[in-house]
């Protein structure tokens, strides 16, 4: 299927990471012009330095991409501190919760706020953010809230953009691994690979997709859980 991404400009924030690199490769394979953003990226036509914790850095990086390419058709945000950086012993600690929300949810919001005005002015845009199925699970306040906050922010942004030609969606993986298991344990999500996530992101970033305001699970959503 031709996803009609040829010559589209995509900004992948966190594009050097485990999931982000797969997304960047997938979009390039579809013919998109991909700009990879990370804190350590150099400023060139295919990379830009952006620290999502710093609004000035975000604004400068987005402005540079718009100056060089004229538009940002698709924004994909995969950047966030790894769950492995969270201290399980402090899962209910307010300081860790605040830091985690800022690192993931507010980092996404900063970048989205910088990109969305240009997309709305152009009458077209796709925004996709990678979150996680911990948004559906209790047991760890830090993990639950940082992912739930992403979904709440994305839904609000999608509603604000309704009718403008801009869509905003969340992709929620469970465990991400190069060799996803076919088994799904009760009370847990299914596994997915970076490439499988990238395939879904590529569709959501495509003009063919009109899905908006959704939080979509990749692989099996938590087994044994009903959410109405």
N, C-alpha and C. Protein backbone atom coordinates (compact mmCIF):
# COMPACT_ATOMS: atom_id res chain seq x y z
N UNK A 1 0.84 -1.19 0.00
CA UNK A 1 0.00 0.00 0.00
C UNK A 1 0.88 1.25 0.00
N UNK A 2 0.56 2.19 -0.89
CA UNK A 2 1.27 3.46 -0.92
C UNK A 2 0.66 4.36 0.15
N UNK A 3 1.43 4.71 1.16
CA UNK A 3 0.93 5.55 2.25
C UNK A 3 0.96 7.03 1.93
N UNK A 4 1.37 7.37 0.70
CA UNK A 4 1.37 8.76 0.23
C UNK A 4 2.24 9.67 1.10
N UNK A 5 3.34 9.10 1.54
CA UNK A 5 4.28 9.87 2.36
C UNK A 5 5.47 10.39 1.55
N UNK A 6 5.53 10.07 0.28
CA UNK A 6 6.65 10.51 -0.54
C UNK A 6 6.73 12.03 -0.54
N UNK A 7 7.93 12.52 -0.21
CA UNK A 7 8.23 13.95 -0.17
C UNK A 7 7.55 14.69 0.98
N UNK A 8 6.85 13.98 1.84
CA UNK A 8 6.34 14.60 3.06
C UNK A 8 7.50 14.81 4.04
N UNK A 9 7.39 15.82 4.88
CA UNK A 9 8.44 16.11 5.87
C UNK A 9 7.99 15.59 7.22
N UNK A 10 8.79 14.73 7.82
CA UNK A 10 8.47 14.15 9.12
C UNK A 10 9.57 14.49 10.12
N UNK A 11 9.17 14.98 11.27
CA UNK A 11 10.09 15.25 12.37
C UNK A 11 9.91 14.15 13.40
N UNK A 12 10.96 13.37 13.64
CA UNK A 12 10.89 12.27 14.61
C UNK A 12 11.73 12.66 15.82
N UNK A 13 11.05 13.01 16.89
CA UNK A 13 11.74 13.44 18.12
C UNK A 13 12.06 12.20 18.94
N UNK A 14 13.34 12.01 19.20
CA UNK A 14 13.80 10.76 19.78
C UNK A 14 14.16 9.75 18.71
N UNK A 15 14.46 10.25 17.53
CA UNK A 15 14.69 9.41 16.36
C UNK A 15 15.98 8.61 16.38
N UNK A 16 16.80 8.79 17.41
CA UNK A 16 18.00 7.95 17.57
C UNK A 16 17.75 6.78 18.51
N UNK A 17 16.59 6.75 19.14
CA UNK A 17 16.31 5.73 20.14
C UNK A 17 15.85 4.41 19.54
N UNK A 18 15.53 3.48 20.42
CA UNK A 18 15.17 2.11 20.03
C UNK A 18 13.94 2.08 19.13
N UNK A 19 12.88 2.77 19.54
CA UNK A 19 11.67 2.85 18.72
C UNK A 19 11.81 3.93 17.66
N UNK A 20 12.36 5.06 18.05
CA UNK A 20 12.45 6.20 17.13
C UNK A 20 13.25 5.89 15.88
N UNK A 21 14.34 5.14 16.01
CA UNK A 21 15.15 4.81 14.84
C UNK A 21 14.37 3.94 13.86
N UNK A 22 13.56 3.01 14.39
CA UNK A 22 12.73 2.17 13.52
C UNK A 22 11.68 3.00 12.82
N UNK A 23 11.10 3.95 13.53
CA UNK A 23 10.10 4.84 12.92
C UNK A 23 10.73 5.66 11.81
N UNK A 24 11.89 6.23 12.08
CA UNK A 24 12.57 7.06 11.07
C UNK A 24 12.88 6.24 9.83
N UNK A 25 13.37 5.01 10.01
CA UNK A 25 13.68 4.14 8.87
C UNK A 25 12.42 3.82 8.07
N UNK A 26 11.33 3.55 8.77
CA UNK A 26 10.07 3.18 8.10
C UNK A 26 9.53 4.34 7.28
N UNK A 27 9.60 5.54 7.83
CA UNK A 27 9.12 6.71 7.10
C UNK A 27 10.00 7.00 5.89
N UNK A 28 11.30 6.83 6.05
CA UNK A 28 12.20 7.01 4.90
C UNK A 28 11.87 6.00 3.81
N UNK A 29 11.57 4.77 4.20
CA UNK A 29 11.23 3.73 3.21
C UNK A 29 9.99 4.09 2.43
N UNK A 30 9.12 4.91 3.01
CA UNK A 30 7.90 5.36 2.34
C UNK A 30 8.16 6.61 1.49
N UNK A 31 9.41 7.09 1.50
CA UNK A 31 9.76 8.24 0.68
C UNK A 31 9.69 9.58 1.38
N UNK A 32 9.43 9.57 2.70
CA UNK A 32 9.37 10.82 3.45
C UNK A 32 10.76 11.40 3.67
N UNK A 33 10.82 12.71 3.76
CA UNK A 33 12.02 13.40 4.22
C UNK A 33 11.98 13.43 5.73
N UNK A 34 12.92 12.74 6.37
CA UNK A 34 12.88 12.57 7.83
C UNK A 34 13.96 13.42 8.48
N UNK A 35 13.55 14.19 9.47
CA UNK A 35 14.48 14.95 10.30
C UNK A 35 14.46 14.32 11.69
N UNK A 36 15.62 13.85 12.13
CA UNK A 36 15.75 13.21 13.44
C UNK A 36 16.14 14.25 14.47
N UNK A 37 15.37 14.30 15.56
CA UNK A 37 15.67 15.23 16.64
C UNK A 37 16.07 14.48 17.89
N UNK A 38 17.13 14.95 18.53
CA UNK A 38 17.54 14.42 19.82
C UNK A 38 18.42 15.47 20.48
N UNK A 39 18.70 15.25 21.76
CA UNK A 39 19.55 16.23 22.45
C UNK A 39 20.95 16.27 21.87
N UNK A 40 21.42 15.14 21.32
CA UNK A 40 22.79 15.06 20.83
C UNK A 40 22.92 15.21 19.32
N UNK A 41 21.79 15.43 18.64
CA UNK A 41 21.84 15.54 17.17
C UNK A 41 22.51 16.84 16.76
N UNK A 42 23.21 16.79 15.63
CA UNK A 42 23.76 18.00 15.06
C UNK A 42 22.72 18.69 14.21
N UNK A 43 22.91 19.98 13.96
CA UNK A 43 21.96 20.72 13.14
C UNK A 43 22.35 20.59 11.67
N UNK A 44 21.59 19.79 10.93
CA UNK A 44 21.80 19.59 9.51
C UNK A 44 20.42 19.39 8.88
N UNK A 45 20.32 19.27 7.55
CA UNK A 45 18.99 19.08 6.95
C UNK A 45 18.26 17.84 7.44
N UNK A 46 19.00 16.82 7.92
CA UNK A 46 18.33 15.59 8.35
C UNK A 46 18.43 15.33 9.85
N UNK A 47 18.90 16.34 10.61
CA UNK A 47 18.92 16.20 12.07
C UNK A 47 18.85 17.57 12.71
N UNK A 48 18.35 17.59 13.96
CA UNK A 48 18.25 18.85 14.67
C UNK A 48 18.34 18.57 16.17
N UNK A 49 18.98 19.47 16.88
CA UNK A 49 19.11 19.32 18.33
C UNK A 49 17.86 19.85 19.02
N UNK A 50 17.19 18.98 19.78
CA UNK A 50 16.02 19.38 20.57
C UNK A 50 16.08 18.68 21.91
N UNK A 51 15.95 19.46 22.97
CA UNK A 51 15.81 18.94 24.32
C UNK A 51 14.37 19.20 24.73
N UNK A 52 13.56 18.15 24.84
CA UNK A 52 12.13 18.33 25.10
C UNK A 52 11.84 18.90 26.48
N UNK A 53 12.83 18.92 27.37
CA UNK A 53 12.65 19.50 28.69
C UNK A 53 12.83 21.02 28.69
N UNK A 54 13.26 21.56 27.56
CA UNK A 54 13.62 22.98 27.45
C UNK A 54 12.80 23.62 26.34
N UNK A 55 11.85 24.48 26.70
CA UNK A 55 10.97 25.07 25.68
C UNK A 55 11.75 25.89 24.66
N UNK A 56 12.78 26.59 25.11
CA UNK A 56 13.58 27.38 24.16
C UNK A 56 14.26 26.48 23.15
N UNK A 57 14.78 25.34 23.59
CA UNK A 57 15.40 24.38 22.69
C UNK A 57 14.38 23.82 21.70
N UNK A 58 13.19 23.50 22.20
CA UNK A 58 12.13 22.99 21.32
C UNK A 58 11.76 24.02 20.27
N UNK A 59 11.53 25.24 20.70
CA UNK A 59 11.12 26.29 19.76
C UNK A 59 12.19 26.54 18.70
N UNK A 60 13.46 26.57 19.13
CA UNK A 60 14.55 26.81 18.19
C UNK A 60 14.68 25.66 17.20
N UNK A 61 14.56 24.43 17.69
CA UNK A 61 14.68 23.27 16.81
C UNK A 61 13.56 23.19 15.79
N UNK A 62 12.34 23.42 16.23
CA UNK A 62 11.20 23.39 15.30
C UNK A 62 11.31 24.51 14.28
N UNK A 63 11.71 25.70 14.74
CA UNK A 63 11.89 26.82 13.81
C UNK A 63 12.93 26.51 12.76
N UNK A 64 13.99 25.82 13.16
CA UNK A 64 15.05 25.45 12.20
C UNK A 64 14.52 24.49 11.15
N UNK A 65 13.74 23.50 11.57
CA UNK A 65 13.18 22.55 10.60
C UNK A 65 12.23 23.27 9.63
N UNK A 66 11.40 24.15 10.15
CA UNK A 66 10.47 24.90 9.28
C UNK A 66 11.24 25.81 8.32
N UNK A 67 12.33 26.39 8.79
CA UNK A 67 13.14 27.25 7.92
C UNK A 67 13.78 26.44 6.80
N UNK A 68 14.28 25.24 7.13
CA UNK A 68 14.99 24.42 6.14
C UNK A 68 14.04 23.70 5.18
N UNK A 69 12.88 23.28 5.67
CA UNK A 69 12.01 22.43 4.86
C UNK A 69 10.66 23.05 4.53
N UNK A 70 10.33 24.14 5.19
CA UNK A 70 9.10 24.85 4.86
C UNK A 70 7.85 24.33 5.54
N UNK A 71 7.90 23.13 6.09
CA UNK A 71 6.71 22.56 6.74
C UNK A 71 7.12 21.32 7.54
N UNK A 72 6.21 20.90 8.41
CA UNK A 72 6.36 19.63 9.12
C UNK A 72 5.03 18.91 8.96
N UNK A 73 4.97 17.98 8.02
CA UNK A 73 3.72 17.28 7.75
C UNK A 73 3.37 16.30 8.85
N UNK A 74 4.39 15.65 9.40
CA UNK A 74 4.16 14.66 10.45
C UNK A 74 5.15 14.87 11.59
N UNK A 75 4.61 14.85 12.80
CA UNK A 75 5.44 14.90 14.00
C UNK A 75 5.26 13.58 14.74
N UNK A 76 6.36 12.90 15.01
CA UNK A 76 6.32 11.68 15.80
C UNK A 76 7.22 11.89 17.02
N UNK A 77 6.66 11.71 18.21
CA UNK A 77 7.42 11.91 19.44
C UNK A 77 7.60 10.58 20.14
N UNK A 78 8.82 10.10 20.17
CA UNK A 78 9.16 8.87 20.88
C UNK A 78 10.06 9.15 22.08
N UNK A 79 10.49 10.40 22.23
CA UNK A 79 11.47 10.75 23.26
C UNK A 79 10.83 10.75 24.64
N UNK A 80 11.44 10.04 25.56
CA UNK A 80 11.03 10.04 26.97
C UNK A 80 12.07 9.26 27.76
N UNK A 81 12.31 9.64 29.00
CA UNK A 81 13.22 8.84 29.82
C UNK A 81 12.73 7.39 29.91
N UNK A 82 13.64 6.45 29.83
CA UNK A 82 13.28 5.04 29.89
C UNK A 82 12.61 4.71 31.22
N UNK A 83 11.65 3.76 31.17
CA UNK A 83 11.02 3.29 32.41
C UNK A 83 12.06 2.73 33.37
N UNK A 84 13.18 2.26 32.84
CA UNK A 84 14.24 1.73 33.67
C UNK A 84 14.90 2.77 34.55
N UNK A 85 14.68 4.05 34.22
CA UNK A 85 15.26 5.13 35.04
C UNK A 85 14.40 5.44 36.25
N UNK A 86 13.19 4.88 36.31
CA UNK A 86 12.28 5.14 37.43
C UNK A 86 12.60 4.19 38.58
N UNK A 87 12.64 4.73 39.78
CA UNK A 87 12.95 3.94 40.96
C UNK A 87 11.67 3.29 41.50
N UNK A 88 11.56 1.95 41.44
CA UNK A 88 10.35 1.29 41.93
C UNK A 88 10.05 1.60 43.39
N UNK A 89 11.09 1.85 44.17
CA UNK A 89 10.90 2.16 45.59
C UNK A 89 10.26 3.53 45.79
N UNK A 90 10.29 4.36 44.74
CA UNK A 90 9.71 5.71 44.83
C UNK A 90 8.50 5.85 43.91
N UNK A 91 7.81 4.74 43.63
CA UNK A 91 6.72 4.76 42.66
C UNK A 91 5.58 5.70 43.05
N UNK A 92 5.47 6.01 44.36
CA UNK A 92 4.42 6.92 44.83
C UNK A 92 4.99 8.25 45.31
N UNK A 93 6.27 8.46 45.09
CA UNK A 93 6.92 9.68 45.55
C UNK A 93 6.53 10.86 44.66
N UNK A 94 5.95 11.92 45.22
CA UNK A 94 5.49 13.04 44.39
C UNK A 94 6.57 13.65 43.51
N UNK A 95 7.79 13.73 44.01
CA UNK A 95 8.86 14.33 43.21
C UNK A 95 9.17 13.47 41.98
N UNK A 96 9.22 12.16 42.16
CA UNK A 96 9.46 11.29 41.01
C UNK A 96 8.29 11.35 40.04
N UNK A 97 7.07 11.39 40.56
CA UNK A 97 5.90 11.48 39.69
C UNK A 97 5.96 12.74 38.85
N UNK A 98 6.26 13.87 39.48
CA UNK A 98 6.33 15.14 38.75
C UNK A 98 7.43 15.12 37.69
N UNK A 99 8.57 14.59 38.06
CA UNK A 99 9.69 14.52 37.11
C UNK A 99 9.34 13.63 35.93
N UNK A 100 8.67 12.51 36.21
CA UNK A 100 8.31 11.58 35.14
C UNK A 100 7.28 12.18 34.20
N UNK A 101 6.30 12.87 34.74
CA UNK A 101 5.29 13.52 33.90
C UNK A 101 5.91 14.60 33.04
N UNK A 102 6.82 15.37 33.63
CA UNK A 102 7.49 16.42 32.86
C UNK A 102 8.33 15.81 31.74
N UNK A 103 9.04 14.73 32.05
CA UNK A 103 9.94 14.13 31.06
C UNK A 103 9.22 13.51 29.89
N UNK A 104 8.01 12.99 30.12
CA UNK A 104 7.30 12.30 29.04
C UNK A 104 6.12 13.12 28.51
N UNK A 105 5.16 13.41 29.37
CA UNK A 105 3.94 14.06 28.91
C UNK A 105 4.16 15.53 28.54
N UNK A 106 4.82 16.27 29.41
CA UNK A 106 5.02 17.69 29.11
C UNK A 106 6.07 17.90 28.03
N UNK A 107 7.03 16.98 27.93
CA UNK A 107 7.97 17.04 26.80
C UNK A 107 7.23 16.93 25.49
N UNK A 108 6.30 15.97 25.41
CA UNK A 108 5.45 15.84 24.22
C UNK A 108 4.66 17.12 23.98
N UNK A 109 4.06 17.68 25.02
CA UNK A 109 3.23 18.87 24.86
C UNK A 109 4.05 20.06 24.35
N UNK A 110 5.26 20.20 24.85
CA UNK A 110 6.10 21.31 24.38
C UNK A 110 6.34 21.22 22.87
N UNK A 111 6.68 20.02 22.40
CA UNK A 111 6.96 19.87 20.97
C UNK A 111 5.67 20.03 20.15
N UNK A 112 4.59 19.43 20.61
CA UNK A 112 3.33 19.53 19.88
C UNK A 112 2.88 20.99 19.77
N UNK A 113 2.99 21.73 20.86
CA UNK A 113 2.59 23.14 20.82
C UNK A 113 3.42 23.96 19.85
N UNK A 114 4.67 23.55 19.65
CA UNK A 114 5.55 24.27 18.73
C UNK A 114 5.24 23.94 17.27
N UNK A 115 4.77 22.72 17.01
CA UNK A 115 4.55 22.26 15.63
C UNK A 115 3.13 22.52 15.15
N UNK A 116 2.15 22.38 16.02
CA UNK A 116 0.75 22.42 15.60
C UNK A 116 0.33 23.72 14.91
N UNK A 117 0.78 24.90 15.33
CA UNK A 117 0.35 26.10 14.61
C UNK A 117 0.67 26.08 13.12
N UNK A 118 1.86 25.61 12.76
CA UNK A 118 2.23 25.53 11.34
C UNK A 118 1.39 24.49 10.62
N UNK A 119 1.09 23.38 11.27
CA UNK A 119 0.24 22.36 10.64
C UNK A 119 -1.16 22.88 10.42
N UNK A 120 -1.70 23.56 11.41
CA UNK A 120 -3.07 24.09 11.26
C UNK A 120 -3.11 25.15 10.16
N UNK A 121 -2.08 25.97 10.09
CA UNK A 121 -2.04 26.99 9.03
C UNK A 121 -1.98 26.34 7.66
N UNK A 122 -1.26 25.21 7.57
CA UNK A 122 -1.14 24.49 6.30
C UNK A 122 -2.40 23.70 5.96
N UNK A 123 -3.24 23.45 6.95
CA UNK A 123 -4.46 22.68 6.72
C UNK A 123 -4.22 21.18 6.66
N UNK A 124 -3.05 20.75 7.13
CA UNK A 124 -2.73 19.32 7.16
C UNK A 124 -1.63 19.07 8.18
N UNK A 125 -1.77 17.99 8.91
CA UNK A 125 -0.71 17.58 9.82
C UNK A 125 -1.08 16.30 10.54
N UNK A 126 -0.05 15.56 10.90
CA UNK A 126 -0.24 14.32 11.65
C UNK A 126 0.71 14.36 12.85
N UNK A 127 0.16 14.10 14.03
CA UNK A 127 0.96 14.05 15.25
C UNK A 127 0.73 12.69 15.89
N UNK A 128 1.82 11.98 16.16
CA UNK A 128 1.75 10.67 16.80
C UNK A 128 2.76 10.65 17.95
N UNK A 129 2.31 10.19 19.11
CA UNK A 129 3.20 10.10 20.27
C UNK A 129 3.19 8.67 20.80
N UNK A 130 4.36 8.19 21.18
CA UNK A 130 4.48 6.85 21.76
C UNK A 130 4.38 6.97 23.27
N UNK A 131 3.43 6.25 23.86
CA UNK A 131 3.26 6.25 25.31
C UNK A 131 3.45 4.84 25.83
N UNK A 132 2.42 4.21 26.41
CA UNK A 132 2.59 2.86 26.91
C UNK A 132 1.35 2.34 27.60
N UNK A 133 1.23 1.02 27.67
CA UNK A 133 0.05 0.41 28.26
C UNK A 133 0.02 0.47 29.78
N UNK A 134 1.06 1.01 30.40
CA UNK A 134 0.97 1.30 31.84
C UNK A 134 -0.13 2.31 32.12
N UNK A 135 -0.57 3.02 31.09
CA UNK A 135 -1.69 3.95 31.26
C UNK A 135 -2.96 3.24 31.70
N UNK A 136 -3.04 1.92 31.43
CA UNK A 136 -4.24 1.15 31.77
C UNK A 136 -4.10 0.40 33.09
N UNK A 137 -2.92 0.46 33.70
CA UNK A 137 -2.62 -0.41 34.84
C UNK A 137 -2.36 0.39 36.11
N UNK A 138 -2.82 -0.15 37.23
CA UNK A 138 -2.48 0.43 38.52
C UNK A 138 -1.28 -0.34 39.10
N UNK A 139 -0.83 0.11 40.25
CA UNK A 139 0.27 -0.58 40.90
C UNK A 139 1.55 0.22 40.94
N UNK A 140 1.64 1.24 40.08
CA UNK A 140 2.82 2.10 40.07
C UNK A 140 2.35 3.49 39.64
N UNK A 141 2.19 4.38 40.59
CA UNK A 141 1.62 5.70 40.31
C UNK A 141 2.47 6.45 39.28
N UNK A 142 3.78 6.37 39.41
CA UNK A 142 4.65 7.08 38.46
C UNK A 142 4.41 6.59 37.03
N UNK A 143 4.47 5.28 36.82
CA UNK A 143 4.30 4.73 35.47
C UNK A 143 2.91 4.99 34.93
N UNK A 144 1.90 4.83 35.77
CA UNK A 144 0.53 5.04 35.31
C UNK A 144 0.28 6.49 34.91
N UNK A 145 0.69 7.42 35.76
CA UNK A 145 0.36 8.82 35.52
C UNK A 145 1.13 9.41 34.35
N UNK A 146 2.39 9.03 34.18
CA UNK A 146 3.14 9.65 33.08
C UNK A 146 2.57 9.23 31.73
N UNK A 147 2.05 8.00 31.65
CA UNK A 147 1.46 7.54 30.40
C UNK A 147 0.02 8.03 30.23
N UNK A 148 -0.75 8.02 31.31
CA UNK A 148 -2.11 8.53 31.24
C UNK A 148 -2.12 10.00 30.85
N UNK A 149 -1.18 10.77 31.38
CA UNK A 149 -1.11 12.19 31.06
C UNK A 149 -0.87 12.42 29.58
N UNK A 150 -0.07 11.56 28.95
CA UNK A 150 0.15 11.67 27.51
C UNK A 150 -1.17 11.53 26.75
N UNK A 151 -1.97 10.53 27.13
CA UNK A 151 -3.25 10.29 26.45
C UNK A 151 -4.21 11.46 26.65
N UNK A 152 -4.25 12.00 27.86
CA UNK A 152 -5.14 13.14 28.13
C UNK A 152 -4.73 14.37 27.32
N UNK A 153 -3.43 14.64 27.28
CA UNK A 153 -2.93 15.77 26.50
C UNK A 153 -3.25 15.58 25.02
N UNK A 154 -2.98 14.39 24.50
CA UNK A 154 -3.20 14.13 23.08
C UNK A 154 -4.67 14.27 22.70
N UNK A 155 -5.57 13.77 23.55
CA UNK A 155 -7.00 13.89 23.26
C UNK A 155 -7.43 15.34 23.23
N UNK A 156 -6.95 16.14 24.17
CA UNK A 156 -7.28 17.56 24.18
C UNK A 156 -6.76 18.27 22.93
N UNK A 157 -5.52 17.96 22.54
CA UNK A 157 -4.96 18.58 21.33
C UNK A 157 -5.73 18.15 20.09
N UNK A 158 -6.13 16.87 20.04
CA UNK A 158 -6.90 16.39 18.90
C UNK A 158 -8.23 17.12 18.80
N UNK A 159 -8.88 17.33 19.93
CA UNK A 159 -10.17 18.03 19.92
C UNK A 159 -10.01 19.49 19.51
N UNK A 160 -8.93 20.11 19.96
CA UNK A 160 -8.67 21.50 19.57
C UNK A 160 -8.43 21.62 18.06
N UNK A 161 -7.85 20.56 17.47
CA UNK A 161 -7.52 20.58 16.04
C UNK A 161 -8.62 20.01 15.15
N UNK A 162 -9.71 19.56 15.76
CA UNK A 162 -10.78 18.91 14.98
C UNK A 162 -11.26 19.79 13.84
N UNK A 163 -11.34 19.22 12.65
CA UNK A 163 -11.82 19.94 11.48
C UNK A 163 -10.77 20.75 10.76
N UNK A 164 -9.53 20.74 11.27
CA UNK A 164 -8.47 21.57 10.68
C UNK A 164 -7.61 20.82 9.68
N UNK A 165 -7.80 19.49 9.58
CA UNK A 165 -6.92 18.68 8.75
C UNK A 165 -5.75 18.10 9.52
N UNK A 166 -5.71 18.35 10.83
CA UNK A 166 -4.64 17.86 11.68
C UNK A 166 -5.20 16.77 12.59
N UNK A 167 -4.48 15.67 12.72
CA UNK A 167 -4.88 14.60 13.62
C UNK A 167 -3.81 14.38 14.68
N UNK A 168 -4.25 13.91 15.86
CA UNK A 168 -3.33 13.64 16.97
C UNK A 168 -3.71 12.29 17.58
N UNK A 169 -2.75 11.38 17.68
CA UNK A 169 -3.02 10.05 18.20
C UNK A 169 -1.87 9.56 19.07
N UNK A 170 -2.20 8.57 19.92
CA UNK A 170 -1.23 7.94 20.82
C UNK A 170 -1.10 6.47 20.45
N UNK A 171 0.12 5.96 20.45
CA UNK A 171 0.36 4.52 20.30
C UNK A 171 0.89 3.99 21.62
N UNK A 172 0.24 2.96 22.15
CA UNK A 172 0.59 2.40 23.46
C UNK A 172 1.14 0.99 23.32
N UNK A 173 2.47 0.83 23.37
CA UNK A 173 3.05 -0.52 23.41
C UNK A 173 3.03 -1.09 24.82
N UNK A 174 3.15 -2.42 24.90
CA UNK A 174 3.49 -3.07 26.16
C UNK A 174 5.00 -3.22 26.17
N UNK A 175 5.48 -4.44 26.35
CA UNK A 175 6.91 -4.70 26.27
C UNK A 175 7.37 -4.60 24.83
N UNK A 176 8.44 -3.88 24.59
CA UNK A 176 9.00 -3.73 23.24
C UNK A 176 10.29 -4.54 23.17
N UNK A 177 10.35 -5.44 22.19
CA UNK A 177 11.49 -6.35 22.08
C UNK A 177 11.69 -6.75 20.63
N UNK A 178 12.91 -7.10 20.27
CA UNK A 178 13.18 -7.54 18.91
C UNK A 178 12.51 -8.87 18.60
N UNK A 179 12.21 -9.64 19.62
CA UNK A 179 11.60 -10.96 19.43
C UNK A 179 10.32 -11.06 20.27
N UNK A 180 9.25 -10.41 19.84
CA UNK A 180 8.02 -10.42 20.64
C UNK A 180 7.42 -11.82 20.76
N UNK A 181 6.97 -12.14 21.96
CA UNK A 181 6.35 -13.43 22.22
C UNK A 181 4.92 -13.44 21.68
N UNK A 182 4.46 -14.61 21.27
CA UNK A 182 3.07 -14.74 20.83
C UNK A 182 2.14 -14.94 22.03
N UNK A 183 2.70 -15.23 23.19
CA UNK A 183 1.89 -15.45 24.39
C UNK A 183 1.59 -14.12 25.08
N UNK A 184 0.39 -14.05 25.66
CA UNK A 184 0.00 -12.87 26.43
C UNK A 184 -0.43 -13.35 27.81
N UNK A 185 0.21 -12.84 28.83
CA UNK A 185 -0.11 -13.29 30.18
C UNK A 185 -1.35 -12.56 30.69
N UNK A 186 -2.19 -13.21 31.50
CA UNK A 186 -3.36 -12.54 32.10
C UNK A 186 -2.95 -11.30 32.88
N UNK A 187 -3.66 -10.22 32.67
CA UNK A 187 -3.35 -8.97 33.36
C UNK A 187 -2.20 -8.21 32.75
N UNK A 188 -1.73 -8.66 31.60
CA UNK A 188 -0.61 -7.99 30.96
C UNK A 188 -0.87 -7.74 29.48
N UNK A 189 -0.09 -6.85 28.85
CA UNK A 189 -0.23 -6.56 27.43
C UNK A 189 0.60 -7.49 26.57
N UNK A 190 0.35 -7.48 25.28
CA UNK A 190 1.17 -8.25 24.35
C UNK A 190 2.48 -7.54 24.03
N UNK A 191 3.44 -8.31 23.54
CA UNK A 191 4.72 -7.75 23.13
C UNK A 191 4.62 -7.20 21.71
N UNK A 192 5.51 -6.27 21.39
CA UNK A 192 5.62 -5.78 20.02
C UNK A 192 7.07 -5.41 19.75
N UNK A 193 7.43 -5.40 18.48
CA UNK A 193 8.77 -5.02 18.08
C UNK A 193 8.79 -3.56 17.64
N UNK A 194 9.97 -2.93 17.61
CA UNK A 194 10.05 -1.56 17.09
C UNK A 194 9.51 -1.45 15.67
N UNK A 195 9.75 -2.48 14.85
CA UNK A 195 9.28 -2.44 13.47
C UNK A 195 7.76 -2.49 13.38
N UNK A 196 7.13 -3.28 14.26
CA UNK A 196 5.67 -3.33 14.27
C UNK A 196 5.08 -1.98 14.71
N UNK A 197 5.71 -1.38 15.69
CA UNK A 197 5.27 -0.05 16.12
C UNK A 197 5.44 0.95 14.98
N UNK A 198 6.56 0.87 14.29
CA UNK A 198 6.84 1.79 13.18
C UNK A 198 5.81 1.65 12.06
N UNK A 199 5.35 0.43 11.80
CA UNK A 199 4.34 0.22 10.77
C UNK A 199 3.05 0.95 11.13
N UNK A 200 2.64 0.85 12.39
CA UNK A 200 1.42 1.53 12.83
C UNK A 200 1.60 3.04 12.78
N UNK A 201 2.74 3.52 13.24
CA UNK A 201 3.01 4.95 13.23
C UNK A 201 2.98 5.49 11.80
N UNK A 202 3.58 4.74 10.87
CA UNK A 202 3.61 5.18 9.47
C UNK A 202 2.20 5.36 8.93
N UNK A 203 1.30 4.45 9.27
CA UNK A 203 -0.09 4.61 8.81
C UNK A 203 -0.73 5.84 9.44
N UNK A 204 -0.55 6.01 10.76
CA UNK A 204 -1.17 7.15 11.42
C UNK A 204 -0.59 8.48 10.94
N UNK A 205 0.66 8.45 10.44
CA UNK A 205 1.30 9.65 9.91
C UNK A 205 0.92 9.92 8.47
N UNK A 206 0.19 9.01 7.87
CA UNK A 206 -0.14 9.08 6.46
C UNK A 206 -1.39 9.92 6.19
N UNK A 207 -1.46 10.54 5.02
CA UNK A 207 -2.70 11.21 4.63
C UNK A 207 -3.88 10.24 4.52
N UNK A 208 -3.60 8.93 4.39
CA UNK A 208 -4.68 7.95 4.29
C UNK A 208 -5.42 7.78 5.60
N UNK A 209 -4.79 8.11 6.71
CA UNK A 209 -5.42 7.95 8.02
C UNK A 209 -6.15 9.22 8.42
N UNK A 210 -7.41 9.07 8.82
CA UNK A 210 -8.16 10.19 9.37
C UNK A 210 -8.52 9.92 10.84
N UNK A 211 -7.87 8.91 11.42
CA UNK A 211 -8.06 8.60 12.84
C UNK A 211 -7.51 9.76 13.66
N UNK A 212 -8.26 10.20 14.67
CA UNK A 212 -7.77 11.27 15.54
C UNK A 212 -8.37 11.14 16.93
N UNK A 213 -7.60 11.53 17.91
CA UNK A 213 -8.07 11.51 19.29
C UNK A 213 -8.07 10.14 19.92
N UNK A 214 -7.32 9.19 19.33
CA UNK A 214 -7.34 7.82 19.82
C UNK A 214 -6.03 7.45 20.53
N UNK A 215 -6.16 6.59 21.54
CA UNK A 215 -5.01 5.93 22.16
C UNK A 215 -5.07 4.47 21.75
N UNK A 216 -4.18 4.07 20.86
CA UNK A 216 -4.25 2.76 20.21
C UNK A 216 -3.18 1.84 20.79
N UNK A 217 -3.62 0.68 21.25
CA UNK A 217 -2.66 -0.31 21.74
C UNK A 217 -2.04 -1.05 20.58
N UNK A 218 -0.73 -1.28 20.67
CA UNK A 218 -0.04 -2.09 19.67
C UNK A 218 0.17 -3.46 20.30
N UNK A 219 -0.10 -4.51 19.54
CA UNK A 219 -0.19 -5.88 20.04
C UNK A 219 -1.43 -5.95 20.94
N UNK A 220 -1.52 -6.99 21.73
CA UNK A 220 -2.74 -7.20 22.51
C UNK A 220 -2.84 -6.19 23.64
N UNK A 221 -4.03 -5.54 23.76
CA UNK A 221 -4.27 -4.71 24.91
C UNK A 221 -4.47 -5.60 26.14
N UNK A 222 -4.15 -5.09 27.29
CA UNK A 222 -4.13 -5.86 28.55
C UNK A 222 -5.16 -6.97 28.57
N UNK A 223 -4.69 -8.20 28.70
CA UNK A 223 -5.55 -9.39 28.66
C UNK A 223 -6.39 -9.48 29.93
N UNK A 224 -7.70 -9.61 29.75
CA UNK A 224 -8.60 -9.77 30.88
C UNK A 224 -9.13 -8.45 31.43
N UNK A 225 -8.95 -7.36 30.68
CA UNK A 225 -9.39 -6.06 31.16
C UNK A 225 -10.42 -5.49 30.19
N UNK A 226 -11.53 -5.01 30.72
CA UNK A 226 -12.55 -4.33 29.91
C UNK A 226 -12.59 -2.87 30.34
N UNK A 227 -12.49 -1.98 29.39
CA UNK A 227 -12.61 -0.55 29.66
C UNK A 227 -13.72 0.02 28.78
N UNK A 228 -14.70 0.63 29.41
CA UNK A 228 -15.85 1.16 28.66
C UNK A 228 -15.80 2.69 28.70
